[in-house]
Each structure stands twice: as structure tokens, then as C-alpha cells.
Amino acid sequence: MLPGCRDKSLRPVAERPVLFTEIVDPRNATSGRFAGTIQPQYEVALGFRVAGRMATRHAQIGQQVRKGDLLATLDPGDQQHQLRARQAEVGKAQAAWQQARDEHVRYDQLYERGIGSRARLDQLNSDLRTQDAIRQQTDVALQQANDHVSYTRLTAEFDGLVTGWHAEVGQVIATGQPVVSLARPESREAVVDLPQGLLGAQADNRQINVISQLDEHVSALAKVRQLAPQINAGTRTQRVRLALQHTPDSFRLGSTVTVEISGAAPNLHELPGSAVLERDGKTQVWVIDPSTSTLSPRAVQVLARNGSNVQLGGELHAGEKVVIAGVNGMQAGQKVRMQREVSL
């Protein structure tokens, strides 16, 4: 038989060189360390209940205040002018009501003696009710004017810490416009901006440690309290609020901390997105059998994306080797040669 006529089926199948990575136990992995700050868990922006020009500020940022303490005032000129006008209206309405009542009493006495008409008495009675209603309306308006004068004084609604001013003396303030922020200092949390998808669907299974940057021996474990629904388009980060299991004294409001995120749940693994194959409606990766150097598919679930990486759930185990490039052209049982390991 000529050499060129040999049966091609007898030729040895060339092993395909592949790039791979080894699965590590995610409980021993550290996702990273990120800078964060200690912020109040409960913070309220206070504003005036009337509009006006701000006249004074009576507290500084970082100052502790008590409930009822004066924080700021508006120029009360307009409100005091309205108060004087309402006081004049009350006096006028009171005089008109008094006159109507006296006239009604006098005519009622005459009518009892048979002098005058029933129609006139009914008219005086109607006039008295009208003046009484006007008097009550002016009393209400006077009370509102008094309230508006008191609303030119902004006071603390609870014991707290002043965390920020949003208006300056001389500025014209609209009704309800935020003027000063007040926080409850006893309720503190850590706030950090993390890469998009870092925590993913298994956030509750991550170990999060918050460490003081002034003293690394001071730390507190934390849990995710809130993930911001929006992603910062510029930095591709997501704001995360962390509830502290305990609050060290050195974790003062505004202090800088390091947020360390460690291992995940045993069934959560992070791999390059290029390792994932979508085929026949299923998501899988190629696992290399080290004894035979062949490929076998392993079903996984994509739980979250972190840049070019994905967080996967499924039956992947520490020490297994997974192909991370060229997965679309591979088949089950295919012989491969582990060319180069890529560390993640």
C-alpha cells in the first residue's frame, strides 16, 4: 500500500492545547479590600415649613444637638406682617360679632313685648350666625399666622449630630427645601462603593470585615443591608450599605475604614466569562479529566457578572481544572493538552 493511501482513521488524534485555570475553594478566597466610610444609618434632611430668607445658623457640622435646640432662623418680617394683619382682622370680626349680638338681644327683648316683626328678628339671627362664622374664621387665620411665625425657627426634632448644611445665611429658601442634615449617632453603618456584581446573588454568604484605618486591630463583621439599584456609569461601581454587628468607639461618623470581602459559599465560583459555554439552552464549562486529558461538560448557573468575570453556581470542586478559552469548538471526550494555567 502506498504511503498516501493509508487509512486516515488510524492516524492519532492530535491533542488540542488549551488554557485552563484551577478551581480554588471560594471560602479561602479574598475578593478584595476597598475604602469606605462610617455613616449614619438614619439621617434626616430638615427644612423650614415656610419660605423666606435665611437669617442665622446656630450649629456647626459635627455638633451634637438636643431635641428642641435652635438650628437656624428665617427673617420673620413677612410672617410678622401677616400676623399683625390677622390680629387686626380678628379685632374687626370680634367687634362686628359683638355689635350683631347686642342688636339681636335688644330686638329680641322688643319682640317679646310685641314690638317688631318676626322677619326682622330672623334676619338679625342670621346676621349673628354670619358674624360668628367670620369671627371663627379669623381666629383660625390668626392661629395659622402664629404658626407661620414659629415656623421661621428651625429646631432639632431629636437628639442628634449635625452632618451637613445645604443653605447659607442670606439665601432665599423655599418651603420644605433641605437646609440641614441631622443624624442619629448611635446608629452607624459602613458605606462602600464596590465593583459592579462583586457581591452578586450570594451577598449574604460573603464574610465582610470592616477595619479601622487608624488601627487595623479594630474591626467589626458586617452584613449587606442595602445594595443601590443604580450603577455609577462612570466608575461601574455600586454603593453598598453594611450593617455592623457591633460598633467600636473608634468608628466615628465620617471616619475612613477598609472593607475586606472574603470567601463565598462553597458552591459559588468566579471564572472568566470566556470559560462559559451556552449550548442547547444549557450553560456549562469544560472540565479536564487529569487522568485521561479529556473534556467533560459540567452544568453551571451564572449568578452574577463582575467585569469580564462571572460568578457561577454548580458542582465545581476545588482542584478541578476548567478550560477558559476556545470553549465553543470543543466536544465531550476530546483529548487536550494542558498548555498553560492562568491564575485568577
Protein backbone atom coordinates (compact mmCIF):
# COMPACT_ATOMS: atom_id res chain seq x y z
CA MET A 1 0.00 0.00 0.00
CA LEU A 2 1.29 3.40 -0.94
CA PRO A 3 2.03 5.75 1.99
CA GLY A 4 -0.52 8.23 0.74
CA CYS A 5 -3.25 5.60 0.75
CA ARG A 6 -3.15 4.75 4.46
CA ASP A 7 -6.48 4.72 6.33
CA LYS A 8 -6.90 8.21 7.78
CA SER A 9 -8.96 6.77 10.67
CA LEU A 10 -5.79 5.11 12.00
CA ARG A 11 -3.96 8.42 12.37
CA PRO A 12 -3.54 9.53 16.01
CA VAL A 13 -5.81 12.39 17.02
CA ALA A 14 -3.79 15.48 17.86
CA GLU A 15 -4.26 16.74 21.37
CA ARG A 16 -5.57 20.28 21.41
CA PRO A 17 -3.59 22.69 23.58
CA VAL A 18 -5.81 24.62 25.99
CA LEU A 19 -5.59 27.39 28.54
CA PHE A 20 -7.07 26.44 31.89
CA THR A 21 -7.46 27.55 35.46
CA GLU A 22 -7.78 25.57 38.66
CA ILE A 23 -10.85 25.90 40.86
CA VAL A 24 -9.99 27.19 44.32
CA ASP A 25 -12.06 26.87 47.46
CA PRO A 26 -14.02 30.16 47.50
CA ARG A 27 -14.13 30.11 51.27
CA ASN A 28 -10.38 30.73 51.25
CA ALA A 29 -10.52 33.44 48.60
CA THR A 30 -10.43 37.16 49.22
CA SER A 31 -12.35 39.28 46.76
CA GLY A 32 -10.56 42.45 47.74
CA ARG A 33 -10.13 45.37 50.10
CA PHE A 34 -11.97 48.62 49.48
CA ALA A 35 -12.03 52.02 51.16
CA GLY A 36 -15.29 53.04 52.81
CA THR A 37 -16.63 55.44 55.41
CA ILE A 38 -18.71 55.25 58.56
CA GLN A 39 -22.02 57.00 58.00
CA PRO A 40 -25.26 57.31 59.98
CA GLN A 41 -27.85 54.67 59.28
CA TYR A 42 -30.63 57.17 59.98
CA GLU A 43 -30.20 60.70 58.65
CA VAL A 44 -32.89 63.34 58.10
CA ALA A 45 -32.70 66.50 56.00
CA LEU A 46 -34.65 69.20 57.85
CA GLY A 47 -36.22 72.26 56.22
CA PHE A 48 -38.42 75.21 57.06
CA ARG A 49 -42.19 74.88 56.75
CA VAL A 50 -42.42 78.38 55.27
CA ALA A 51 -40.43 80.23 52.61
CA GLY A 52 -38.12 83.13 53.37
CA ARG A 53 -34.57 84.46 53.55
CA MET A 54 -32.32 82.59 55.96
CA ALA A 55 -31.13 84.91 58.72
CA THR A 56 -28.99 82.81 61.09
CA ARG A 57 -27.36 79.41 61.62
CA HIS A 58 -26.88 78.18 65.16
CA ALA A 59 -24.99 74.87 64.81
CA GLN A 60 -21.79 73.65 63.19
CA ILE A 61 -21.17 70.43 61.28
CA GLY A 62 -20.25 67.72 63.77
CA GLN A 63 -22.01 69.47 66.66
CA GLN A 64 -24.17 67.40 68.99
CA VAL A 65 -27.63 68.91 69.50
CA ARG A 66 -30.59 68.09 71.72
CA LYS A 67 -34.22 67.84 70.73
CA GLY A 68 -35.67 71.35 70.52
CA ASP A 69 -32.32 73.12 70.08
CA LEU A 70 -32.42 76.03 67.63
CA LEU A 71 -30.62 75.22 64.37
CA ALA A 72 -31.47 78.14 62.06
CA THR A 73 -33.91 81.03 61.56
CA LEU A 74 -35.55 82.87 58.70
CA ASP A 75 -36.13 86.62 58.56
CA PRO A 76 -39.62 86.71 60.17
CA GLY A 77 -40.62 90.08 58.69
CA ASP A 78 -43.20 88.78 56.22
CA GLN A 79 -44.71 86.37 58.73
CA GLN A 80 -44.93 89.05 61.43
CA HIS A 81 -46.62 91.41 58.97
CA GLN A 82 -49.19 88.71 58.22
CA LEU A 83 -49.63 88.13 61.95
CA ARG A 84 -50.42 91.79 62.59
CA ALA A 85 -52.89 91.79 59.69
CA ARG A 86 -54.65 88.71 61.09
CA GLN A 87 -54.77 90.27 64.56
CA ALA A 88 -56.48 93.34 63.08
CA GLU A 89 -58.98 91.11 61.26
CA VAL A 90 -59.75 89.28 64.49
CA GLY A 91 -60.40 92.57 66.29
CA LYS A 92 -62.65 93.77 63.48
CA ALA A 93 -64.56 90.48 63.35
CA GLN A 94 -64.94 90.45 67.15
CA ALA A 95 -66.38 93.97 67.10
CA ALA A 96 -68.80 93.11 64.28
CA TRP A 97 -69.93 89.97 66.11
CA GLN A 98 -70.38 91.91 69.37
CA GLN A 99 -72.50 94.52 67.57
CA ALA A 100 -74.62 91.86 65.88
CA ARG A 101 -75.14 90.07 69.19
CA ASP A 102 -76.15 93.28 71.01
CA GLU A 103 -78.57 94.18 68.23
CA HIS A 104 -80.07 90.69 68.31
CA VAL A 105 -80.50 90.78 72.12
CA ARG A 106 -82.10 94.25 72.03
CA TYR A 107 -84.55 93.36 69.24
CA ASP A 108 -85.39 90.00 70.84
CA GLN A 109 -86.44 91.82 74.01
CA LEU A 110 -88.65 94.18 71.97
CA TYR A 111 -90.18 91.24 70.12
CA GLU A 112 -91.00 89.55 73.43
CA ARG A 113 -93.06 92.68 74.31
CA GLY A 114 -94.86 92.51 70.98
CA ILE A 115 -92.82 95.18 69.25
CA GLY A 116 -91.30 94.50 65.83
CA SER A 117 -91.66 91.71 63.28
CA ARG A 118 -90.64 88.08 63.20
CA ALA A 119 -88.93 88.59 59.84
CA ARG A 120 -86.66 91.27 61.30
CA LEU A 121 -85.75 89.02 64.24
CA ASP A 122 -84.93 86.15 61.86
CA GLN A 123 -82.72 88.46 59.82
CA LEU A 124 -80.83 89.61 62.93
CA ASN A 125 -80.41 85.98 63.99
CA SER A 126 -78.95 85.15 60.56
CA ASP A 127 -76.62 88.15 60.75
CA LEU A 128 -75.39 86.99 64.16
CA ARG A 129 -74.59 83.50 62.85
CA THR A 130 -72.75 85.00 59.89
CA GLN A 131 -70.64 87.25 62.10
CA ASP A 132 -69.90 84.33 64.42
CA ALA A 133 -68.66 82.26 61.46
CA ILE A 134 -66.47 85.16 60.31
CA ARG A 135 -65.07 85.51 63.82
CA GLN A 136 -64.17 81.80 63.94
CA GLN A 137 -62.51 82.02 60.53
CA THR A 138 -60.36 84.94 61.62
CA ASP A 139 -59.41 83.07 64.80
CA VAL A 140 -58.19 80.15 62.66
CA ALA A 141 -56.30 82.52 60.35
CA LEU A 142 -54.67 84.14 63.39
CA GLN A 143 -53.56 80.74 64.70
CA GLN A 144 -52.07 79.91 61.30
CA ALA A 145 -50.24 83.24 61.26
CA ASN A 146 -48.83 82.50 64.72
CA ASP A 147 -47.73 79.08 63.48
CA HIS A 148 -46.02 80.63 60.46
CA VAL A 149 -44.04 82.94 62.72
CA SER A 150 -42.92 79.93 64.78
CA TYR A 151 -42.02 78.09 61.54
CA THR A 152 -39.28 80.68 60.92
CA ARG A 153 -37.34 78.90 63.68
CA LEU A 154 -35.90 75.51 62.70
CA THR A 155 -35.28 73.25 65.69
CA ALA A 156 -33.86 69.75 66.12
CA GLU A 157 -36.55 67.07 66.02
CA PHE A 158 -34.43 64.61 68.02
CA ASP A 159 -31.10 64.30 69.80
CA GLY A 160 -28.53 64.02 67.04
CA LEU A 161 -25.44 65.14 65.21
CA VAL A 162 -25.34 67.86 62.55
CA THR A 163 -23.84 66.21 59.46
CA GLY A 164 -24.25 68.89 56.81
CA TRP A 165 -25.62 72.28 55.81
CA HIS A 166 -27.40 72.75 52.48
CA ALA A 167 -28.10 76.50 52.64
CA GLU A 168 -26.27 79.69 53.56
CA VAL A 169 -27.26 82.80 55.50
CA GLY A 170 -28.92 85.27 53.13
CA GLN A 171 -30.16 82.57 50.77
CA VAL A 172 -33.85 82.56 49.84
CA ILE A 173 -35.30 79.25 51.00
CA ALA A 174 -38.34 77.52 49.52
CA THR A 175 -40.87 75.70 51.68
CA GLY A 176 -39.53 72.24 52.54
CA GLN A 177 -36.14 72.83 50.93
CA PRO A 178 -33.41 70.81 52.75
CA VAL A 179 -31.42 73.14 54.99
CA VAL A 180 -29.53 70.95 57.45
CA SER A 181 -28.97 67.20 57.88
CA LEU A 182 -29.30 65.63 61.31
CA ALA A 183 -28.22 62.07 62.11
CA ARG A 184 -28.76 59.69 64.99
CA PRO A 185 -25.15 58.99 66.09
CA GLU A 186 -25.98 55.78 67.90
CA SER A 187 -26.94 54.05 64.62
CA ARG A 188 -23.90 53.80 62.34
CA GLU A 189 -23.09 51.74 59.26
CA ALA A 190 -20.26 51.34 56.76
CA VAL A 191 -20.77 52.63 53.21
CA VAL A 192 -18.54 51.47 50.35
CA ASP A 193 -18.57 51.59 46.54
CA LEU A 194 -17.85 48.12 45.14
CA PRO A 195 -17.25 46.91 41.57
CA GLN A 196 -20.48 46.01 39.83
CA GLY A 197 -21.61 42.47 40.62
CA LEU A 198 -18.86 41.76 43.16
CA LEU A 199 -21.30 40.59 45.82
CA GLY A 200 -23.79 39.10 43.39
CA ALA A 201 -26.68 36.87 44.37
CA GLN A 202 -24.72 35.30 47.25
CA ALA A 203 -24.08 38.51 49.18
CA ASP A 204 -25.40 37.02 52.42
CA ASN A 205 -22.82 34.22 52.22
CA ARG A 206 -19.80 36.51 51.94
CA GLN A 207 -17.73 37.29 55.01
CA ILE A 208 -17.34 41.06 55.26
CA ASN A 209 -14.94 42.62 57.73
CA VAL A 210 -14.81 46.37 58.35
CA ILE A 211 -11.40 47.52 59.62
CA SER A 212 -10.42 50.87 61.09
CA GLN A 213 -7.72 52.61 59.03
CA LEU A 214 -6.39 54.24 62.21
CA ASP A 215 -5.91 50.91 63.98
CA GLU A 216 -6.12 47.66 62.00
CA HIS A 217 -6.65 45.73 65.23
CA VAL A 218 -10.10 47.35 65.50
CA SER A 219 -12.69 45.72 63.25
CA ALA A 220 -16.28 44.56 63.05
CA LEU A 221 -18.06 41.94 61.00
CA ALA A 222 -20.83 43.26 58.77
CA LYS A 223 -23.73 42.14 56.60
CA VAL A 224 -25.13 43.77 53.49
CA ARG A 225 -28.07 45.98 54.46
CA GLN A 226 -28.73 47.66 51.14
CA LEU A 227 -27.47 47.48 47.56
CA ALA A 228 -28.03 50.61 45.49
CA PRO A 229 -30.26 49.80 42.49
CA GLN A 230 -28.29 52.14 40.22
CA ILE A 231 -24.75 51.57 38.95
CA ASN A 232 -22.38 54.54 38.69
CA ALA A 233 -21.92 54.83 34.93
CA GLY A 234 -18.50 56.47 35.26
CA THR A 235 -16.86 54.08 37.72
CA ARG A 236 -19.06 50.99 37.18
CA THR A 237 -19.43 50.70 40.94
CA GLN A 238 -22.40 50.01 43.16
CA ARG A 239 -22.96 51.69 46.53
CA VAL A 240 -23.36 49.17 49.34
CA ARG A 241 -24.53 49.88 52.90
CA LEU A 242 -23.28 47.47 55.53
CA ALA A 243 -24.91 46.81 58.90
CA LEU A 244 -22.25 46.41 61.59
CA GLN A 245 -22.63 43.53 64.05
CA HIS A 246 -21.13 45.83 66.69
CA THR A 247 -19.85 49.40 66.55
CA PRO A 248 -16.39 50.10 68.03
CA ASP A 249 -15.98 53.51 69.62
CA SER A 250 -13.33 54.46 67.04
CA PHE A 251 -15.90 54.04 64.24
CA ARG A 252 -16.92 57.68 64.44
CA LEU A 253 -19.15 59.25 61.83
CA GLY A 254 -17.09 60.23 58.80
CA SER A 255 -14.09 58.07 59.72
CA THR A 256 -12.43 56.05 56.94
CA VAL A 257 -12.42 52.25 57.08
CA THR A 258 -11.25 49.34 54.96
CA VAL A 259 -13.92 46.88 53.84
CA GLU A 260 -12.49 43.39 53.31
CA ILE A 261 -14.66 40.89 51.45
CA SER A 262 -13.67 37.25 51.88
CA GLY A 263 -14.82 33.80 50.88
CA ALA A 264 -18.18 32.97 49.40
CA ALA A 265 -20.43 29.97 49.74
CA PRO A 266 -18.80 26.62 48.78
CA ASN A 267 -20.92 26.40 45.61
CA LEU A 268 -20.01 29.87 44.34
CA HIS A 269 -17.02 30.22 42.00
CA GLU A 270 -15.66 33.08 39.93
CA LEU A 271 -14.27 32.33 36.45
CA PRO A 272 -13.58 34.30 33.27
CA GLY A 273 -16.69 34.76 31.17
CA SER A 274 -14.81 33.07 28.30
CA ALA A 275 -15.00 29.76 30.21
CA VAL A 276 -18.79 29.61 29.95
CA LEU A 277 -20.50 27.90 27.02
CA GLU A 278 -24.16 28.22 26.08
CA ARG A 279 -25.25 25.12 24.14
CA ASP A 280 -28.72 23.69 23.53
CA GLY A 281 -30.22 26.05 26.09
CA LYS A 282 -27.81 24.90 28.79
CA THR A 283 -24.94 26.70 30.48
CA GLN A 284 -21.77 24.67 31.02
CA VAL A 285 -18.00 24.70 31.38
CA TRP A 286 -15.43 22.17 30.17
CA VAL A 287 -13.69 20.25 32.99
CA ILE A 288 -10.43 18.43 32.21
CA ASP A 289 -10.01 14.86 33.48
CA PRO A 290 -6.34 14.82 34.55
CA SER A 291 -6.03 11.02 34.23
CA THR A 292 -7.16 10.88 30.58
CA SER A 293 -6.68 14.52 29.49
CA THR A 294 -10.21 14.52 28.09
CA LEU A 295 -13.03 17.02 28.39
CA SER A 296 -16.37 16.57 30.08
CA PRO A 297 -19.17 19.16 30.31
CA ARG A 298 -20.29 20.43 33.71
CA ALA A 299 -23.60 22.29 34.14
CA VAL A 300 -23.35 25.65 35.92
CA GLN A 301 -25.54 28.68 36.61
CA VAL A 302 -24.42 32.26 36.04
CA LEU A 303 -25.35 34.11 39.24
CA ALA A 304 -23.68 37.47 38.63
CA ARG A 305 -21.17 39.27 36.42
CA ASN A 306 -18.13 41.15 37.67
CA GLY A 307 -16.49 42.90 34.73
CA SER A 308 -15.08 40.18 32.44
CA ASN A 309 -15.63 37.51 35.10
CA VAL A 310 -18.76 35.64 36.08
CA GLN A 311 -19.85 34.15 39.38
CA LEU A 312 -21.05 30.60 38.89
CA GLY A 313 -23.11 28.20 40.92
CA GLY A 314 -22.94 24.46 40.32
CA GLU A 315 -20.99 21.31 41.14
CA LEU A 316 -17.47 22.62 40.71
CA HIS A 317 -14.87 21.47 43.23
CA ALA A 318 -11.56 22.80 44.46
CA GLY A 319 -8.64 21.40 42.44
CA GLU A 320 -10.62 20.77 39.24
CA LYS A 321 -9.23 22.29 36.05
CA VAL A 322 -11.53 24.26 33.75
CA VAL A 323 -10.85 25.40 30.18
CA ILE A 324 -11.05 29.19 29.89
CA ALA A 325 -10.60 29.85 26.15
CA GLY A 326 -11.92 28.46 22.86
CA VAL A 327 -14.78 26.59 24.52
CA ASN A 328 -17.16 26.86 21.55
CA GLY A 329 -15.10 24.49 19.35
CA MET A 330 -14.77 21.68 21.89
CA GLN A 331 -16.60 18.37 22.29
CA ALA A 332 -17.15 15.92 25.12
CA GLY A 333 -14.36 13.33 25.31
CA GLN A 334 -11.97 15.46 23.28
CA LYS A 335 -8.27 14.96 24.08
CA VAL A 336 -6.48 18.11 25.19
CA ARG A 337 -3.04 19.14 26.31
CA MET A 338 -2.92 21.48 29.28
CA GLN A 339 -0.71 24.13 27.79
CA ARG A 340 -0.77 26.92 30.35
CA GLU A 341 -2.51 27.56 33.64
CA VAL A 342 -3.95 31.02 34.20
CA SER A 343 -4.21 32.21 37.78
CA LEU A 344 -7.27 34.28 38.71
